[in-house]
């Protein structure tokens, strides 16, 4: 398939849908037994308007708790993403809040976050300002522990999560990137396709890249986003002071995986990489109730929540 066509098929046109290419349906989330509330809200600033869903667990009693911002992938909705990752179930168990910003079809035909556009890679502009604004609106409206705010995403959402960590290290204590790319890995559609196909080193910001604790998942059989991108995400942070520890394990009845931890002199795991062997472009350990999931892998949602729980922003209290 011709390169630009393939990019547009995955990322959609950065414009409203053309005739004959309808937007994917928005599915209202279902409430499970003894579940918390799943509330639809909206946020507006100079960059536009985005709806979002907010999960409030049943055990929430008004005390400050952690917040995770989850960014869906292309052709997904927040409800689909929540079902596939089972994030609300984990949040219910831990009494955490979860916000799901929703990309609009008018901003991108396939509802992808526009991670490849320079105007959507910068603090205070475009989609990063909308996602940060949603995060801050939740923090203003509901009691959130400001030291324990996190962002994660899949595919285009993973690339957007990487951007949020780079642009707002003062807002997010840790980042989760599943099948995504590094911040600044592309600057237009052709470079996005090249980065997806071969991997691309991010453009380094002046003064270097702040090390925000980051956990990365990627399937080694991913033909949509080259697994090399996972290595390139980590490479922008790695330094001589981080010790590297590697373990290889197998999910019972499922995929083998390699987990690599990068540990600072104080013993904290600042970077963590999970390579899932035999997995394609899918959320590891997810549910078939949602799209782009592979139940045979290790549970990426549980591991991200565990990693997030180990990190908080210093000096906040």
C-alpha atoms as a PDB file:
ATOM      1  CA  UNK A   1       0.000   0.000   0.000  1.00  0.00           C
ATOM      2  CA  UNK A   2       1.254   3.511  -0.863  1.00  0.00           C
ATOM      3  CA  UNK A   3       2.786   5.070   2.299  1.00  0.00           C
ATOM      4  CA  UNK A   4       0.596   8.161   2.700  1.00  0.00           C
ATOM      5  CA  UNK A   5      -2.554   6.080   2.095  1.00  0.00           C
ATOM      6  CA  UNK A   6      -1.510   3.661   4.821  1.00  0.00           C
ATOM      7  CA  UNK A   7      -0.878   6.479   7.268  1.00  0.00           C
ATOM      8  CA  UNK A   8      -4.252   8.027   6.493  1.00  0.00           C
ATOM      9  CA  UNK A   9      -5.971   4.680   6.891  1.00  0.00           C
ATOM     10  CA  UNK A  10      -4.567   4.337  10.408  1.00  0.00           C
ATOM     11  CA  UNK A  11      -4.434   7.961  11.539  1.00  0.00           C
ATOM     12  CA  UNK A  12      -7.355   9.329   9.556  1.00  0.00           C
ATOM     13  CA  UNK A  13      -7.541  12.681   7.857  1.00  0.00           C
ATOM     14  CA  UNK A  14      -6.820  15.677  10.044  1.00  0.00           C
ATOM     15  CA  UNK A  15     -10.242  16.995   9.087  1.00  0.00           C
ATOM     16  CA  UNK A  16     -13.899  15.897   9.277  1.00  0.00           C
ATOM     17  CA  UNK A  17     -14.858  12.545   7.776  1.00  0.00           C
ATOM     18  CA  UNK A  18     -15.301  12.368   4.044  1.00  0.00           C
ATOM     19  CA  UNK A  19     -18.577  11.009   2.663  1.00  0.00           C
ATOM     20  CA  UNK A  20     -18.648   7.216   2.848  1.00  0.00           C
ATOM     21  CA  UNK A  21     -16.167   7.123   5.742  1.00  0.00           C
ATOM     22  CA  UNK A  22     -18.442   7.410   8.804  1.00  0.00           C
ATOM     23  CA  UNK A  23     -17.183   7.991  12.306  1.00  0.00           C
ATOM     24  CA  UNK A  24     -17.014   4.911  14.545  1.00  0.00           C
ATOM     25  CA  UNK A  25     -19.990   4.656  16.884  1.00  0.00           C
ATOM     26  CA  UNK A  26     -19.679   6.021  20.394  1.00  0.00           C
ATOM     27  CA  UNK A  27     -20.750   3.297  22.794  1.00  0.00           C
ATOM     28  CA  UNK A  28     -22.185   4.327  26.123  1.00  0.00           C
ATOM     29  CA  UNK A  29     -20.336   2.565  28.974  1.00  0.00           C
ATOM     30  CA  UNK A  30     -22.160  -0.106  30.903  1.00  0.00           C
ATOM     31  CA  UNK A  31     -22.280  -0.076  34.673  1.00  0.00           C
ATOM     32  CA  UNK A  32     -21.182  -3.361  36.190  1.00  0.00           C
ATOM     33  CA  UNK A  33     -22.408  -4.686  39.521  1.00  0.00           C
ATOM     34  CA  UNK A  34     -21.217  -2.656  42.512  1.00  0.00           C
ATOM     35  CA  UNK A  35     -19.354  -0.336  40.144  1.00  0.00           C
ATOM     36  CA  UNK A  36     -18.598   3.301  40.675  1.00  0.00           C
ATOM     37  CA  UNK A  37     -19.838   6.159  38.508  1.00  0.00           C
ATOM     38  CA  UNK A  38     -18.751   6.716  34.892  1.00  0.00           C
ATOM     39  CA  UNK A  39     -19.513  10.374  34.163  1.00  0.00           C
ATOM     40  CA  UNK A  40     -19.362  12.230  30.870  1.00  0.00           C
ATOM     41  CA  UNK A  41     -17.932  15.736  31.044  1.00  0.00           C
ATOM     42  CA  UNK A  42     -16.454  18.384  28.757  1.00  0.00           C
ATOM     43  CA  UNK A  43     -13.537  20.808  28.733  1.00  0.00           C
ATOM     44  CA  UNK A  44     -12.923  23.866  26.554  1.00  0.00           C
ATOM     45  CA  UNK A  45      -9.987  26.224  26.064  1.00  0.00           C
ATOM     46  CA  UNK A  46      -8.516  28.286  23.225  1.00  0.00           C
ATOM     47  CA  UNK A  47      -7.478  25.087  21.398  1.00  0.00           C
ATOM     48  CA  UNK A  48     -11.044  23.759  21.241  1.00  0.00           C
ATOM     49  CA  UNK A  49     -13.360  21.434  23.136  1.00  0.00           C
ATOM     50  CA  UNK A  50     -12.983  17.792  24.128  1.00  0.00           C
ATOM     51  CA  UNK A  51     -15.401  15.541  25.976  1.00  0.00           C
ATOM     52  CA  UNK A  52     -14.065  13.083  28.499  1.00  0.00           C
ATOM     53  CA  UNK A  53     -15.305  10.290  30.752  1.00  0.00           C
ATOM     54  CA  UNK A  54     -14.441  10.216  34.444  1.00  0.00           C
ATOM     55  CA  UNK A  55     -14.566   7.019  36.481  1.00  0.00           C
ATOM     56  CA  UNK A  56     -15.226   7.592  40.195  1.00  0.00           C
ATOM     57  CA  UNK A  57     -14.880   4.344  42.176  1.00  0.00           C
ATOM     58  CA  UNK A  58     -17.617   3.314  44.594  1.00  0.00           C
ATOM     59  CA  UNK A  59     -15.198   3.528  47.541  1.00  0.00           C
ATOM     60  CA  UNK A  60     -14.309   7.151  46.882  1.00  0.00           C
ATOM     61  CA  UNK A  61     -15.276   9.224  49.924  1.00  0.00           C
ATOM     62  CA  UNK A  62     -13.846  12.625  49.013  1.00  0.00           C
ATOM     63  CA  UNK A  63     -10.289  12.145  50.224  1.00  0.00           C
ATOM     64  CA  UNK A  64      -7.420  12.984  47.824  1.00  0.00           C
ATOM     65  CA  UNK A  65      -6.647   9.917  45.685  1.00  0.00           C
ATOM     66  CA  UNK A  66      -4.464   9.204  42.615  1.00  0.00           C
ATOM     67  CA  UNK A  67      -5.687  10.110  39.120  1.00  0.00           C
ATOM     68  CA  UNK A  68      -4.794   8.268  35.910  1.00  0.00           C
ATOM     69  CA  UNK A  69      -5.446   9.904  32.528  1.00  0.00           C
ATOM     70  CA  UNK A  70      -5.972   7.237  29.836  1.00  0.00           C
ATOM     71  CA  UNK A  71      -5.576   8.136  26.136  1.00  0.00           C
ATOM     72  CA  UNK A  72      -7.295   5.773  23.713  1.00  0.00           C
ATOM     73  CA  UNK A  73      -5.861   4.642  20.390  1.00  0.00           C
ATOM     74  CA  UNK A  74      -7.092   5.190  16.838  1.00  0.00           C
ATOM     75  CA  UNK A  75     -10.622   4.061  16.019  1.00  0.00           C
ATOM     76  CA  UNK A  76     -11.392   3.684  19.725  1.00  0.00           C
ATOM     77  CA  UNK A  77     -13.720   5.467  22.138  1.00  0.00           C
ATOM     78  CA  UNK A  78     -13.219   5.931  25.881  1.00  0.00           C
ATOM     79  CA  UNK A  79     -15.856   3.265  26.601  1.00  0.00           C
ATOM     80  CA  UNK A  80     -14.166   0.785  24.263  1.00  0.00           C
ATOM     81  CA  UNK A  81     -10.742   1.578  25.728  1.00  0.00           C
ATOM     82  CA  UNK A  82     -12.001   1.268  29.299  1.00  0.00           C
ATOM     83  CA  UNK A  83     -13.574  -2.117  28.526  1.00  0.00           C
ATOM     84  CA  UNK A  84     -10.517  -3.482  26.724  1.00  0.00           C
ATOM     85  CA  UNK A  85      -7.979  -2.399  29.340  1.00  0.00           C
ATOM     86  CA  UNK A  86     -10.232  -3.125  32.342  1.00  0.00           C
ATOM     87  CA  UNK A  87      -8.864   0.069  33.858  1.00  0.00           C
ATOM     88  CA  UNK A  88     -12.049   0.849  35.759  1.00  0.00           C
ATOM     89  CA  UNK A  89     -11.906  -2.538  37.484  1.00  0.00           C
ATOM     90  CA  UNK A  90      -8.359  -1.816  38.675  1.00  0.00           C
ATOM     91  CA  UNK A  91      -9.357   1.698  39.730  1.00  0.00           C
ATOM     92  CA  UNK A  92     -12.320   0.281  41.638  1.00  0.00           C
ATOM     93  CA  UNK A  93     -10.012  -2.135  43.459  1.00  0.00           C
ATOM     94  CA  UNK A  94      -7.502   0.576  44.419  1.00  0.00           C
ATOM     95  CA  UNK A  95      -9.912   3.529  44.793  1.00  0.00           C
ATOM     96  CA  UNK A  96      -8.273   5.628  42.096  1.00  0.00           C
ATOM     97  CA  UNK A  97      -9.888   8.086  39.685  1.00  0.00           C
ATOM     98  CA  UNK A  98      -9.558   7.621  35.923  1.00  0.00           C
ATOM     99  CA  UNK A  99     -10.162  10.231  33.218  1.00  0.00           C
ATOM    100  CA  UNK A 100     -10.547   9.272  29.544  1.00  0.00           C
ATOM    101  CA  UNK A 101     -10.175  12.253  27.167  1.00  0.00           C
ATOM    102  CA  UNK A 102     -12.064  11.639  23.929  1.00  0.00           C
ATOM    103  CA  UNK A 103     -10.627  12.618  20.563  1.00  0.00           C
ATOM    104  CA  UNK A 104     -13.201  14.070  18.178  1.00  0.00           C
ATOM    105  CA  UNK A 105     -13.842  13.055  14.574  1.00  0.00           C
ATOM    106  CA  UNK A 106     -13.558  16.681  13.520  1.00  0.00           C
ATOM    107  CA  UNK A 107      -9.983  16.812  14.844  1.00  0.00           C
ATOM    108  CA  UNK A 108      -9.002  13.474  13.290  1.00  0.00           C
ATOM    109  CA  UNK A 109     -11.107  11.240  11.068  1.00  0.00           C
ATOM    110  CA  UNK A 110     -10.058   8.044  12.844  1.00  0.00           C
ATOM    111  CA  UNK A 111     -10.207   9.664  16.282  1.00  0.00           C
ATOM    112  CA  UNK A 112      -6.417   9.440  16.649  1.00  0.00           C
ATOM    113  CA  UNK A 113      -4.548  11.914  18.786  1.00  0.00           C
ATOM    114  CA  UNK A 114      -2.470  14.040  16.397  1.00  0.00           C
ATOM    115  CA  UNK A 115       0.892  13.183  17.960  1.00  0.00           C
ATOM    116  CA  UNK A 116       2.726  13.772  14.659  1.00  0.00           C
ATOM    117  CA  UNK A 117       1.843  17.474  14.297  1.00  0.00           C
ATOM    118  CA  UNK A 118       4.241  20.055  15.804  1.00  0.00           C
ATOM    119  CA  UNK A 119       1.323  22.159  17.052  1.00  0.00           C
ATOM    120  CA  UNK A 120       0.105  19.128  19.028  1.00  0.00           C
ATOM    121  CA  UNK A 121       3.474  18.390  20.628  1.00  0.00           C
ATOM    122  CA  UNK A 122       3.955  21.535  22.695  1.00  0.00           C
ATOM    123  CA  UNK A 123       3.073  22.670  26.182  1.00  0.00           C
ATOM    124  CA  UNK A 124       0.235  25.141  26.279  1.00  0.00           C
ATOM    125  CA  UNK A 125      -0.867  24.501  22.688  1.00  0.00           C
ATOM    126  CA  UNK A 126      -3.186  22.200  20.777  1.00  0.00           C
ATOM    127  CA  UNK A 127      -4.107  18.789  22.108  1.00  0.00           C
ATOM    128  CA  UNK A 128      -1.539  18.767  24.936  1.00  0.00           C
ATOM    129  CA  UNK A 129      -3.210  21.871  26.374  1.00  0.00           C
ATOM    130  CA  UNK A 130      -6.613  20.155  26.142  1.00  0.00           C
ATOM    131  CA  UNK A 131      -5.416  16.953  27.848  1.00  0.00           C
ATOM    132  CA  UNK A 132      -3.614  18.932  30.556  1.00  0.00           C
ATOM    133  CA  UNK A 133      -6.703  21.117  30.931  1.00  0.00           C
ATOM    134  CA  UNK A 134      -8.905  18.065  31.437  1.00  0.00           C
ATOM    135  CA  UNK A 135      -6.439  16.780  34.026  1.00  0.00           C
ATOM    136  CA  UNK A 136      -6.458  20.078  35.891  1.00  0.00           C
ATOM    137  CA  UNK A 137     -10.243  20.396  35.670  1.00  0.00           C
ATOM    138  CA  UNK A 138     -10.637  17.021  37.389  1.00  0.00           C
ATOM    139  CA  UNK A 139      -8.129  18.117  40.019  1.00  0.00           C
ATOM    140  CA  UNK A 140     -10.085  21.347  40.581  1.00  0.00           C
ATOM    141  CA  UNK A 141     -13.481  19.641  40.786  1.00  0.00           C
ATOM    142  CA  UNK A 142     -12.627  16.528  42.791  1.00  0.00           C
ATOM    143  CA  UNK A 143     -10.104  15.817  45.552  1.00  0.00           C
ATOM    144  CA  UNK A 144      -6.990  14.456  43.788  1.00  0.00           C
ATOM    145  CA  UNK A 145      -3.560  13.879  45.285  1.00  0.00           C
ATOM    146  CA  UNK A 146      -1.478  16.295  43.141  1.00  0.00           C
ATOM    147  CA  UNK A 147       1.670  14.252  43.719  1.00  0.00           C
ATOM    148  CA  UNK A 148       0.060  11.144  42.209  1.00  0.00           C
ATOM    149  CA  UNK A 149      -1.265  12.091  38.777  1.00  0.00           C
ATOM    150  CA  UNK A 150      -0.349   9.820  35.845  1.00  0.00           C
ATOM    151  CA  UNK A 151      -0.920   9.529  32.104  1.00  0.00           C
ATOM    152  CA  UNK A 152      -0.957   6.449  29.864  1.00  0.00           C
ATOM    153  CA  UNK A 153      -2.104   5.485  26.393  1.00  0.00           C
ATOM    154  CA  UNK A 154      -2.150   2.996  23.536  1.00  0.00           C
ATOM    155  CA  UNK A 155      -0.678   3.496  20.054  1.00  0.00           C
ATOM    156  CA  UNK A 156      -1.474   7.108  19.025  1.00  0.00           C
ATOM    157  CA  UNK A 157      -2.627   7.541  22.630  1.00  0.00           C
ATOM    158  CA  UNK A 158       0.705   6.148  23.798  1.00  0.00           C
ATOM    159  CA  UNK A 159       2.541   8.659  21.612  1.00  0.00           C
ATOM    160  CA  UNK A 160       0.325  11.405  23.048  1.00  0.00           C
ATOM    161  CA  UNK A 161       1.099  10.187  26.588  1.00  0.00           C
ATOM    162  CA  UNK A 162       4.816  10.472  25.797  1.00  0.00           C
ATOM    163  CA  UNK A 163       4.229  14.059  24.688  1.00  0.00           C
ATOM    164  CA  UNK A 164       2.328  14.837  27.887  1.00  0.00           C
ATOM    165  CA  UNK A 165       5.168  13.501  30.033  1.00  0.00           C
ATOM    166  CA  UNK A 166       7.714  15.588  28.115  1.00  0.00           C
ATOM    167  CA  UNK A 167       5.599  18.754  28.031  1.00  0.00           C
ATOM    168  CA  UNK A 168       4.175  18.584  31.568  1.00  0.00           C
ATOM    169  CA  UNK A 169       6.722  16.933  33.903  1.00  0.00           C
ATOM    170  CA  UNK A 170       5.377  19.198  36.638  1.00  0.00           C
ATOM    171  CA  UNK A 171       1.887  17.685  36.298  1.00  0.00           C
ATOM    172  CA  UNK A 172       2.422  13.945  35.753  1.00  0.00           C
ATOM    173  CA  UNK A 173       4.433  11.815  38.168  1.00  0.00           C
ATOM    174  CA  UNK A 174       4.844   8.896  35.735  1.00  0.00           C
ATOM    175  CA  UNK A 175       3.926   7.847  32.198  1.00  0.00           C
ATOM    176  CA  UNK A 176       2.727   4.564  30.638  1.00  0.00           C
ATOM    177  CA  UNK A 177       3.264   4.013  26.906  1.00  0.00           C
ATOM    178  CA  UNK A 178       1.819   0.940  25.176  1.00  0.00           C
ATOM    179  CA  UNK A 179       2.724   0.320  21.511  1.00  0.00           C
ATOM    180  CA  UNK A 180       3.555   4.001  21.117  1.00  0.00           C
ATOM    181  CA  UNK A 181       6.351   6.324  20.027  1.00  0.00           C
ATOM    182  CA  UNK A 182       8.615   8.887  21.644  1.00  0.00           C
ATOM    183  CA  UNK A 183       7.655  12.535  21.896  1.00  0.00           C
ATOM    184  CA  UNK A 184       8.856  14.361  18.789  1.00  0.00           C
ATOM    185  CA  UNK A 185       9.331  11.190  16.722  1.00  0.00           C
ATOM    186  CA  UNK A 186       7.496  12.754  13.749  1.00  0.00           C
ATOM    187  CA  UNK A 187       6.531  16.181  12.428  1.00  0.00           C
ATOM    188  CA  UNK A 188       3.999  15.346   9.673  1.00  0.00           C
ATOM    189  CA  UNK A 189       2.189  12.387   8.084  1.00  0.00           C
ATOM    190  CA  UNK A 190       5.121  11.061   5.993  1.00  0.00           C
ATOM    191  CA  UNK A 191       7.508  11.195   8.959  1.00  0.00           C
ATOM    192  CA  UNK A 192       4.821   9.539  11.104  1.00  0.00           C
ATOM    193  CA  UNK A 193       4.661   6.631   8.684  1.00  0.00           C
ATOM    194  CA  UNK A 194       8.463   6.362   8.653  1.00  0.00           C
ATOM    195  CA  UNK A 195       8.588   6.365  12.453  1.00  0.00           C
ATOM    196  CA  UNK A 196       5.893   3.710  12.672  1.00  0.00           C
ATOM    197  CA  UNK A 197       7.581   1.509  10.106  1.00  0.00           C
ATOM    198  CA  UNK A 198      11.235   1.830  11.146  1.00  0.00           C
ATOM    199  CA  UNK A 199      11.312   3.690  14.442  1.00  0.00           C
ATOM    200  CA  UNK A 200      12.538   7.263  14.858  1.00  0.00           C
ATOM    201  CA  UNK A 201      14.703   9.039  17.369  1.00  0.00           C
ATOM    202  CA  UNK A 202      12.925  11.974  19.000  1.00  0.00           C
ATOM    203  CA  UNK A 203      14.112  15.509  18.466  1.00  0.00           C
ATOM    204  CA  UNK A 204      15.880  16.490  21.663  1.00  0.00           C
ATOM    205  CA  UNK A 205      14.627  19.616  23.386  1.00  0.00           C
ATOM    206  CA  UNK A 206      17.103  22.317  24.388  1.00  0.00           C
ATOM    207  CA  UNK A 207      18.524  21.407  27.763  1.00  0.00           C
ATOM    208  CA  UNK A 208      17.767  17.700  27.347  1.00  0.00           C
ATOM    209  CA  UNK A 209      14.744  15.591  28.222  1.00  0.00           C
ATOM    210  CA  UNK A 210      13.461  15.519  31.792  1.00  0.00           C
ATOM    211  CA  UNK A 211      13.365  11.987  33.152  1.00  0.00           C
ATOM    212  CA  UNK A 212       9.773  11.300  34.113  1.00  0.00           C
ATOM    213  CA  UNK A 213       9.415   7.697  35.376  1.00  0.00           C
ATOM    214  CA  UNK A 214       8.144   5.697  32.405  1.00  0.00           C
ATOM    215  CA  UNK A 215       6.837   2.169  31.836  1.00  0.00           C
ATOM    216  CA  UNK A 216       6.701   0.876  28.255  1.00  0.00           C
ATOM    217  CA  UNK A 217       4.872  -2.136  26.800  1.00  0.00           C
ATOM    218  CA  UNK A 218       5.282  -3.357  23.218  1.00  0.00           C
ATOM    219  CA  UNK A 219       4.619  -6.586  21.332  1.00  0.00           C
ATOM    220  CA  UNK A 220       7.593  -7.850  19.348  1.00  0.00           C
ATOM    221  CA  UNK A 221       5.276  -8.871  16.478  1.00  0.00           C
ATOM    222  CA  UNK A 222       3.730  -5.410  16.134  1.00  0.00           C
ATOM    223  CA  UNK A 223       3.554  -4.630  12.401  1.00  0.00           C
ATOM    224  CA  UNK A 224       1.759  -1.291  12.925  1.00  0.00           C
ATOM    225  CA  UNK A 225       4.263   0.450  15.220  1.00  0.00           C
ATOM    226  CA  UNK A 226       7.774  -0.978  15.015  1.00  0.00           C
ATOM    227  CA  UNK A 227       8.880  -2.387  18.416  1.00  0.00           C
ATOM    228  CA  UNK A 228      12.145  -0.455  17.984  1.00  0.00           C
ATOM    229  CA  UNK A 229      10.172   2.591  19.086  1.00  0.00           C
ATOM    230  CA  UNK A 230      10.017   1.173  22.610  1.00  0.00           C
ATOM    231  CA  UNK A 231      13.823   1.116  22.750  1.00  0.00           C
ATOM    232  CA  UNK A 232      13.991   4.673  21.405  1.00  0.00           C
ATOM    233  CA  UNK A 233      11.607   5.921  24.098  1.00  0.00           C
ATOM    234  CA  UNK A 234      13.906   4.521  26.768  1.00  0.00           C
ATOM    235  CA  UNK A 235      17.124   5.591  25.031  1.00  0.00           C
ATOM    236  CA  UNK A 236      16.331   9.288  25.425  1.00  0.00           C
ATOM    237  CA  UNK A 237      16.428   8.862  29.221  1.00  0.00           C
ATOM    238  CA  UNK A 238      19.037   6.185  29.904  1.00  0.00           C
ATOM    239  CA  UNK A 239      22.138   7.311  31.743  1.00  0.00           C
ATOM    240  CA  UNK A 240      25.273   5.802  33.199  1.00  0.00           C
ATOM    241  CA  UNK A 241      23.898   5.920  36.749  1.00  0.00           C
ATOM    242  CA  UNK A 242      20.991   3.556  36.036  1.00  0.00           C
ATOM    243  CA  UNK A 243      21.512  -0.139  36.750  1.00  0.00           C
ATOM    244  CA  UNK A 244      19.892  -2.517  34.265  1.00  0.00           C
ATOM    245  CA  UNK A 245      18.157  -5.723  35.410  1.00  0.00           C
ATOM    246  CA  UNK A 246      16.519  -8.181  33.025  1.00  0.00           C
ATOM    247  CA  UNK A 247      14.085 -11.029  33.710  1.00  0.00           C
ATOM    248  CA  UNK A 248      12.317 -13.394  31.329  1.00  0.00           C
ATOM    249  CA  UNK A 249       9.062 -15.092  32.244  1.00  0.00           C
ATOM    250  CA  UNK A 250       5.988 -16.727  30.749  1.00  0.00           C
ATOM    251  CA  UNK A 251       2.285 -16.122  31.256  1.00  0.00           C
ATOM    252  CA  UNK A 252       0.621 -19.463  32.019  1.00  0.00           C
ATOM    253  CA  UNK A 253      -1.028 -20.509  28.768  1.00  0.00           C
ATOM    254  CA  UNK A 254       0.040 -17.264  27.103  1.00  0.00           C
ATOM    255  CA  UNK A 255       2.972 -15.218  25.879  1.00  0.00           C
ATOM    256  CA  UNK A 256       6.531 -15.128  27.146  1.00  0.00           C
ATOM    257  CA  UNK A 257       7.911 -11.679  27.936  1.00  0.00           C
ATOM    258  CA  UNK A 258      11.123  -9.872  28.801  1.00  0.00           C
ATOM    259  CA  UNK A 259      10.990  -7.249  31.537  1.00  0.00           C
ATOM    260  CA  UNK A 260      13.882  -4.801  31.889  1.00  0.00           C
ATOM    261  CA  UNK A 261      14.170  -2.404  34.824  1.00  0.00           C
ATOM    262  CA  UNK A 262      16.462   0.631  34.997  1.00  0.00           C
ATOM    263  CA  UNK A 263      17.241   1.424  38.622  1.00  0.00           C
ATOM    264  CA  UNK A 264      18.791   4.544  40.162  1.00  0.00           C
ATOM    265  CA  UNK A 265      21.405   4.443  42.978  1.00  0.00           C
ATOM    266  CA  UNK A 266      18.641   4.825  45.580  1.00  0.00           C
ATOM    267  CA  UNK A 267      16.975   1.620  44.354  1.00  0.00           C
ATOM    268  CA  UNK A 268      14.019   3.206  42.526  1.00  0.00           C
ATOM    269  CA  UNK A 269      12.948   1.759  39.173  1.00  0.00           C
ATOM    270  CA  UNK A 270      12.755   4.856  36.963  1.00  0.00           C
ATOM    271  CA  UNK A 271      12.276   3.096  33.631  1.00  0.00           C
ATOM    272  CA  UNK A 272      10.631  -0.229  32.924  1.00  0.00           C
ATOM    273  CA  UNK A 273      10.283  -2.061  29.613  1.00  0.00           C
ATOM    274  CA  UNK A 274       8.043  -5.032  28.834  1.00  0.00           C
ATOM    275  CA  UNK A 275       8.595  -6.779  25.497  1.00  0.00           C
ATOM    276  CA  UNK A 276       5.786  -9.294  24.945  1.00  0.00           C
ATOM    277  CA  UNK A 277       6.931 -12.080  22.638  1.00  0.00           C
ATOM    278  CA  UNK A 278       4.441 -13.094  19.974  1.00  0.00           C
ATOM    279  CA  UNK A 279       2.143 -10.139  20.595  1.00  0.00           C
ATOM    280  CA  UNK A 280       1.006  -7.834  17.788  1.00  0.00           C
ATOM    281  CA  UNK A 281      -0.472  -4.312  18.020  1.00  0.00           C
ATOM    282  CA  UNK A 282      -2.672  -4.835  21.063  1.00  0.00           C
ATOM    283  CA  UNK A 283      -3.040  -3.986  24.764  1.00  0.00           C
ATOM    284  CA  UNK A 284      -1.294  -6.765  26.668  1.00  0.00           C
ATOM    285  CA  UNK A 285      -3.524  -8.785  28.978  1.00  0.00           C
ATOM    286  CA  UNK A 286      -6.624  -6.885  27.898  1.00  0.00           C
ATOM    287  CA  UNK A 287     -10.205  -8.050  27.551  1.00  0.00           C
ATOM    288  CA  UNK A 288     -11.940  -9.079  24.326  1.00  0.00           C
ATOM    289  CA  UNK A 289     -14.739  -6.743  25.414  1.00  0.00           C
ATOM    290  CA  UNK A 290     -12.685  -3.958  23.821  1.00  0.00           C
ATOM    291  CA  UNK A 291     -10.683  -3.555  20.617  1.00  0.00           C
ATOM    292  CA  UNK A 292      -6.930  -4.031  20.088  1.00  0.00           C
ATOM    293  CA  UNK A 293      -6.362  -6.349  23.037  1.00  0.00           C
ATOM    294  CA  UNK A 294      -4.424  -9.573  23.588  1.00  0.00           C
ATOM    295  CA  UNK A 295      -5.584 -11.513  26.668  1.00  0.00           C
ATOM    296  CA  UNK A 296      -2.569 -13.862  26.414  1.00  0.00           C
ATOM    297  CA  UNK A 297      -0.053 -11.254  27.490  1.00  0.00           C
ATOM    298  CA  UNK A 298       0.908 -10.023  30.955  1.00  0.00           C
ATOM    299  CA  UNK A 299      -1.625  -7.572  32.396  1.00  0.00           C
ATOM    300  CA  UNK A 300      -0.335  -4.175  31.255  1.00  0.00           C
ATOM    301  CA  UNK A 301      -3.000  -2.281  33.209  1.00  0.00           C
ATOM    302  CA  UNK A 302      -2.126  -3.949  36.502  1.00  0.00           C
ATOM    303  CA  UNK A 303       1.603  -3.450  35.921  1.00  0.00           C
ATOM    304  CA  UNK A 304       1.156   0.209  35.004  1.00  0.00           C
ATOM    305  CA  UNK A 305      -0.918   0.836  38.133  1.00  0.00           C
ATOM    306  CA  UNK A 306       1.733  -0.956  40.185  1.00  0.00           C
ATOM    307  CA  UNK A 307       4.493   1.165  38.587  1.00  0.00           C
ATOM    308  CA  UNK A 308       2.504   4.365  39.074  1.00  0.00           C
ATOM    309  CA  UNK A 309       1.925   3.487  42.712  1.00  0.00           C
ATOM    310  CA  UNK A 310       5.681   3.452  43.240  1.00  0.00           C
ATOM    311  CA  UNK A 311       6.097   7.041  42.038  1.00  0.00           C
ATOM    312  CA  UNK A 312       4.938  10.428  43.232  1.00  0.00           C
ATOM    313  CA  UNK A 313       6.151  13.910  42.414  1.00  0.00           C
ATOM    314  CA  UNK A 314       8.609  15.095  45.073  1.00  0.00           C
ATOM    315  CA  UNK A 315       7.918  18.219  47.082  1.00  0.00           C
ATOM    316  CA  UNK A 316       4.142  18.004  46.668  1.00  0.00           C
ATOM    317  CA  UNK A 317       2.016  17.758  49.733  1.00  0.00           C
END
